[in-house]
Amino acid sequence: MWTPGWTERGPACLRVAEGGAVLATVPLDRAGFACALGGADGRTLFTLAADWRMADGFEDNLERLLTGPETGQVCTARAPAAHAGHP
C-alpha cells in the first residue's frame, strides 16, 4: 500500500508491505495527505500535498492553509509496481 509519511529527508509517499517494511519512497517537497495508484496501466502514483508545518499547531496550520497562499498540489510519479485488483 502507498501512504503519506516522513523520512529522515522529509515528507514522502511510502510504499509499505504487510508487516510494515518500507519498500519504496517517493520524496515530496511538502507534506503528503493522500496517495493512490491510477492511470492507464495502474502505475501512476497520485499524491495530494500541501505546506504543513510540523512545528506549528493543528489550528495554526489550518488557519494558514485556509486564509494564506494556496500551497496544495497534485503530484505524480511513476510507481515501481502497478495496482492490484479493484478498489
N, C-alpha and C. Protein backbone atom coordinates (compact mmCIF):
# COMPACT_ATOMS: atom_id res chain seq x y z
N MET A 1 0.84 -1.17 0.00
CA MET A 1 0.00 0.00 0.00
C MET A 1 0.89 1.24 0.00
N TRP A 2 0.35 2.32 -0.51
CA TRP A 2 1.04 3.61 -0.50
C TRP A 2 0.40 4.49 0.55
N THR A 3 1.24 5.22 1.30
CA THR A 3 0.74 6.11 2.34
C THR A 3 1.67 7.31 2.47
N PRO A 4 1.12 8.49 2.80
CA PRO A 4 1.99 9.63 3.09
C PRO A 4 2.77 9.36 4.37
N GLY A 5 3.97 9.89 4.44
CA GLY A 5 4.78 9.73 5.64
C GLY A 5 5.97 10.66 5.62
N TRP A 6 6.90 10.39 6.52
CA TRP A 6 8.11 11.21 6.66
C TRP A 6 9.31 10.29 6.72
N THR A 7 10.40 10.70 6.10
CA THR A 7 11.67 10.01 6.19
C THR A 7 12.66 10.95 6.85
N GLU A 8 13.89 10.52 7.00
CA GLU A 8 14.91 11.40 7.57
C GLU A 8 15.16 12.61 6.68
N ARG A 9 14.78 12.54 5.41
CA ARG A 9 14.96 13.66 4.48
C ARG A 9 13.74 14.57 4.39
N GLY A 10 12.61 14.13 4.96
CA GLY A 10 11.41 14.96 4.92
C GLY A 10 10.20 14.20 4.43
N PRO A 11 9.18 14.92 3.96
CA PRO A 11 7.94 14.27 3.56
C PRO A 11 8.14 13.38 2.34
N ALA A 12 7.34 12.31 2.30
CA ALA A 12 7.44 11.35 1.19
C ALA A 12 6.15 10.54 1.12
N CYS A 13 5.97 9.89 0.00
CA CYS A 13 4.93 8.89 -0.14
C CYS A 13 5.64 7.54 -0.04
N LEU A 14 5.17 6.68 0.87
CA LEU A 14 5.86 5.43 1.18
C LEU A 14 5.07 4.23 0.69
N ARG A 15 5.76 3.28 0.07
CA ARG A 15 5.14 2.00 -0.27
C ARG A 15 5.48 1.05 0.87
N VAL A 16 4.44 0.55 1.55
CA VAL A 16 4.63 -0.25 2.75
C VAL A 16 4.05 -1.65 2.53
N ALA A 17 4.83 -2.67 2.86
CA ALA A 17 4.39 -4.05 2.74
C ALA A 17 3.61 -4.47 3.98
N GLU A 18 2.87 -5.54 3.85
CA GLU A 18 2.21 -6.12 5.02
C GLU A 18 3.29 -6.41 6.05
N GLY A 19 3.08 -6.00 7.27
CA GLY A 19 4.07 -6.14 8.32
C GLY A 19 4.86 -4.87 8.59
N GLY A 20 4.78 -3.88 7.67
CA GLY A 20 5.38 -2.58 7.94
C GLY A 20 6.69 -2.26 7.25
N ALA A 21 7.27 -3.18 6.50
CA ALA A 21 8.53 -2.88 5.81
C ALA A 21 8.29 -1.85 4.71
N VAL A 22 9.14 -0.83 4.65
CA VAL A 22 9.04 0.20 3.61
C VAL A 22 9.77 -0.31 2.37
N LEU A 23 9.05 -0.46 1.27
CA LEU A 23 9.60 -1.00 0.03
C LEU A 23 10.11 0.08 -0.91
N ALA A 24 9.52 1.27 -0.87
CA ALA A 24 9.91 2.36 -1.77
C ALA A 24 9.49 3.68 -1.17
N THR A 25 10.19 4.73 -1.53
CA THR A 25 9.81 6.08 -1.12
C THR A 25 9.85 7.01 -2.32
N VAL A 26 8.90 7.93 -2.37
CA VAL A 26 8.89 8.98 -3.37
C VAL A 26 8.94 10.29 -2.60
N PRO A 27 10.08 11.01 -2.65
CA PRO A 27 10.20 12.26 -1.89
C PRO A 27 9.21 13.31 -2.37
N LEU A 28 8.75 14.13 -1.43
CA LEU A 28 7.86 15.25 -1.72
C LEU A 28 8.48 16.53 -1.19
N ASP A 29 8.14 17.67 -1.77
CA ASP A 29 8.67 18.94 -1.26
C ASP A 29 7.75 19.58 -0.23
N ARG A 30 6.63 18.92 0.08
CA ARG A 30 5.69 19.36 1.11
C ARG A 30 4.94 18.14 1.62
N ALA A 31 4.22 18.29 2.69
CA ALA A 31 3.56 17.15 3.33
C ALA A 31 2.51 16.53 2.42
N GLY A 32 2.51 15.20 2.35
CA GLY A 32 1.51 14.47 1.60
C GLY A 32 0.32 14.14 2.49
N PHE A 33 -0.88 14.10 1.89
CA PHE A 33 -2.10 13.81 2.65
C PHE A 33 -2.84 12.59 2.13
N ALA A 34 -2.60 12.20 0.89
CA ALA A 34 -3.26 11.03 0.31
C ALA A 34 -2.43 10.54 -0.87
N CYS A 35 -2.37 9.22 -1.05
CA CYS A 35 -1.66 8.60 -2.16
C CYS A 35 -2.57 7.57 -2.81
N ALA A 36 -2.55 7.48 -4.13
CA ALA A 36 -3.36 6.48 -4.83
C ALA A 36 -2.70 6.14 -6.16
N LEU A 37 -2.82 4.89 -6.57
CA LEU A 37 -2.34 4.46 -7.88
C LEU A 37 -3.45 4.59 -8.90
N GLY A 38 -3.10 4.95 -10.12
CA GLY A 38 -4.09 5.06 -11.19
C GLY A 38 -3.40 5.15 -12.53
N GLY A 39 -4.05 5.77 -13.47
CA GLY A 39 -3.52 5.86 -14.82
C GLY A 39 -3.88 4.63 -15.64
N ALA A 40 -3.60 4.69 -16.92
CA ALA A 40 -3.99 3.63 -17.85
C ALA A 40 -3.40 2.27 -17.46
N ASP A 41 -2.16 2.26 -16.98
CA ASP A 41 -1.53 0.98 -16.63
C ASP A 41 -1.44 0.76 -15.12
N GLY A 42 -2.06 1.65 -14.33
CA GLY A 42 -2.06 1.49 -12.87
C GLY A 42 -0.74 1.78 -12.21
N ARG A 43 0.18 2.45 -12.91
CA ARG A 43 1.50 2.72 -12.34
C ARG A 43 1.77 4.21 -12.15
N THR A 44 0.74 5.04 -12.19
CA THR A 44 0.90 6.46 -11.88
C THR A 44 0.50 6.65 -10.42
N LEU A 45 1.44 7.13 -9.62
CA LEU A 45 1.19 7.42 -8.22
C LEU A 45 0.75 8.87 -8.10
N PHE A 46 -0.46 9.09 -7.63
CA PHE A 46 -1.00 10.44 -7.41
C PHE A 46 -0.91 10.74 -5.91
N THR A 47 -0.38 11.91 -5.57
CA THR A 47 -0.27 12.32 -4.18
C THR A 47 -0.83 13.73 -4.02
N LEU A 48 -1.71 13.91 -3.03
CA LEU A 48 -2.18 15.25 -2.67
C LEU A 48 -1.23 15.78 -1.61
N ALA A 49 -0.73 17.00 -1.79
CA ALA A 49 0.26 17.56 -0.87
C ALA A 49 -0.02 19.04 -0.63
N ALA A 50 0.42 19.53 0.53
CA ALA A 50 0.29 20.95 0.88
C ALA A 50 1.36 21.29 1.92
N ASP A 51 1.59 22.57 2.11
CA ASP A 51 2.62 23.05 3.05
C ASP A 51 2.12 22.94 4.49
N TRP A 52 2.39 21.79 5.11
CA TRP A 52 2.03 21.54 6.51
C TRP A 52 3.29 21.68 7.34
N ARG A 53 3.27 22.51 8.34
CA ARG A 53 4.46 22.78 9.16
C ARG A 53 4.34 22.03 10.48
N MET A 54 5.18 21.01 10.64
CA MET A 54 5.10 20.14 11.81
C MET A 54 5.32 20.89 13.12
N ALA A 55 6.09 21.96 13.10
CA ALA A 55 6.36 22.72 14.33
C ALA A 55 5.16 23.58 14.75
N ASP A 56 4.24 23.85 13.81
CA ASP A 56 3.06 24.64 14.12
C ASP A 56 1.94 23.73 14.62
N GLY A 57 1.04 24.27 15.37
CA GLY A 57 -0.11 23.50 15.85
C GLY A 57 -1.11 23.23 14.74
N PHE A 58 -2.00 22.29 14.99
CA PHE A 58 -3.03 21.91 14.02
C PHE A 58 -3.86 23.12 13.60
N GLU A 59 -4.35 23.88 14.57
CA GLU A 59 -5.20 25.04 14.26
C GLU A 59 -4.44 26.10 13.47
N ASP A 60 -3.16 26.31 13.81
CA ASP A 60 -2.35 27.29 13.09
C ASP A 60 -2.16 26.88 11.63
N ASN A 61 -1.90 25.59 11.40
CA ASN A 61 -1.77 25.10 10.03
C ASN A 61 -3.06 25.28 9.25
N LEU A 62 -4.19 24.91 9.85
CA LEU A 62 -5.46 25.06 9.16
C LEU A 62 -5.75 26.52 8.83
N GLU A 63 -5.53 27.39 9.78
CA GLU A 63 -5.76 28.82 9.55
C GLU A 63 -4.91 29.32 8.38
N ARG A 64 -3.64 28.97 8.37
CA ARG A 64 -2.75 29.41 7.29
C ARG A 64 -3.17 28.83 5.96
N LEU A 65 -3.53 27.54 5.94
CA LEU A 65 -3.92 26.90 4.68
C LEU A 65 -5.25 27.43 4.14
N LEU A 66 -6.15 27.82 5.04
CA LEU A 66 -7.46 28.31 4.60
C LEU A 66 -7.47 29.78 4.22
N THR A 67 -6.54 30.57 4.76
CA THR A 67 -6.56 32.00 4.52
C THR A 67 -5.30 32.53 3.82
N GLY A 68 -4.23 31.77 3.84
CA GLY A 68 -2.97 32.23 3.26
C GLY A 68 -2.83 31.83 1.80
N PRO A 69 -1.61 31.87 1.31
CA PRO A 69 -1.37 31.48 -0.08
C PRO A 69 -1.73 30.01 -0.30
N GLU A 70 -2.21 29.70 -1.49
CA GLU A 70 -2.56 28.33 -1.82
C GLU A 70 -1.28 27.51 -2.05
N THR A 71 -1.14 26.41 -1.34
CA THR A 71 0.08 25.58 -1.44
C THR A 71 -0.22 24.16 -1.88
N GLY A 72 -1.50 23.83 -2.08
CA GLY A 72 -1.88 22.48 -2.45
C GLY A 72 -1.40 22.09 -3.84
N GLN A 73 -1.06 20.82 -3.98
CA GLN A 73 -0.61 20.28 -5.26
C GLN A 73 -1.15 18.87 -5.43
N VAL A 74 -1.30 18.47 -6.68
CA VAL A 74 -1.48 17.06 -7.02
C VAL A 74 -0.18 16.66 -7.70
N CYS A 75 0.59 15.80 -7.06
CA CYS A 75 1.88 15.37 -7.58
C CYS A 75 1.73 14.00 -8.23
N THR A 76 2.51 13.73 -9.26
CA THR A 76 2.51 12.41 -9.88
C THR A 76 3.93 11.88 -9.98
N ALA A 77 4.04 10.56 -9.92
CA ALA A 77 5.32 9.88 -10.08
C ALA A 77 5.06 8.50 -10.65
N ARG A 78 6.04 7.92 -11.27
CA ARG A 78 5.94 6.56 -11.80
C ARG A 78 6.16 5.60 -10.65
N ALA A 79 5.22 4.70 -10.42
CA ALA A 79 5.31 3.72 -9.34
C ALA A 79 6.10 2.50 -9.81
N PRO A 80 6.85 1.86 -8.91
CA PRO A 80 7.62 0.69 -9.31
C PRO A 80 6.78 -0.56 -9.56
N ALA A 81 5.52 -0.55 -9.13
CA ALA A 81 4.62 -1.67 -9.34
C ALA A 81 3.22 -1.14 -9.57
N ALA A 82 2.46 -1.84 -10.39
CA ALA A 82 1.10 -1.42 -10.70
C ALA A 82 0.15 -1.79 -9.57
N HIS A 83 -1.03 -1.15 -9.57
CA HIS A 83 -2.05 -1.50 -8.58
C HIS A 83 -2.50 -2.94 -8.81
N ALA A 84 -3.08 -3.52 -7.79
CA ALA A 84 -3.57 -4.89 -7.89
C ALA A 84 -5.05 -4.91 -7.60
N GLY A 85 -5.85 -5.51 -8.44
CA GLY A 85 -7.27 -5.64 -8.19
C GLY A 85 -8.04 -4.36 -8.38
N HIS A 86 -9.23 -4.34 -7.79
CA HIS A 86 -10.13 -3.19 -7.89
C HIS A 86 -10.30 -2.58 -6.51
N PRO A 87 -10.47 -1.24 -6.46
CA PRO A 87 -10.66 -0.62 -5.14
C PRO A 87 -11.94 -1.08 -4.47
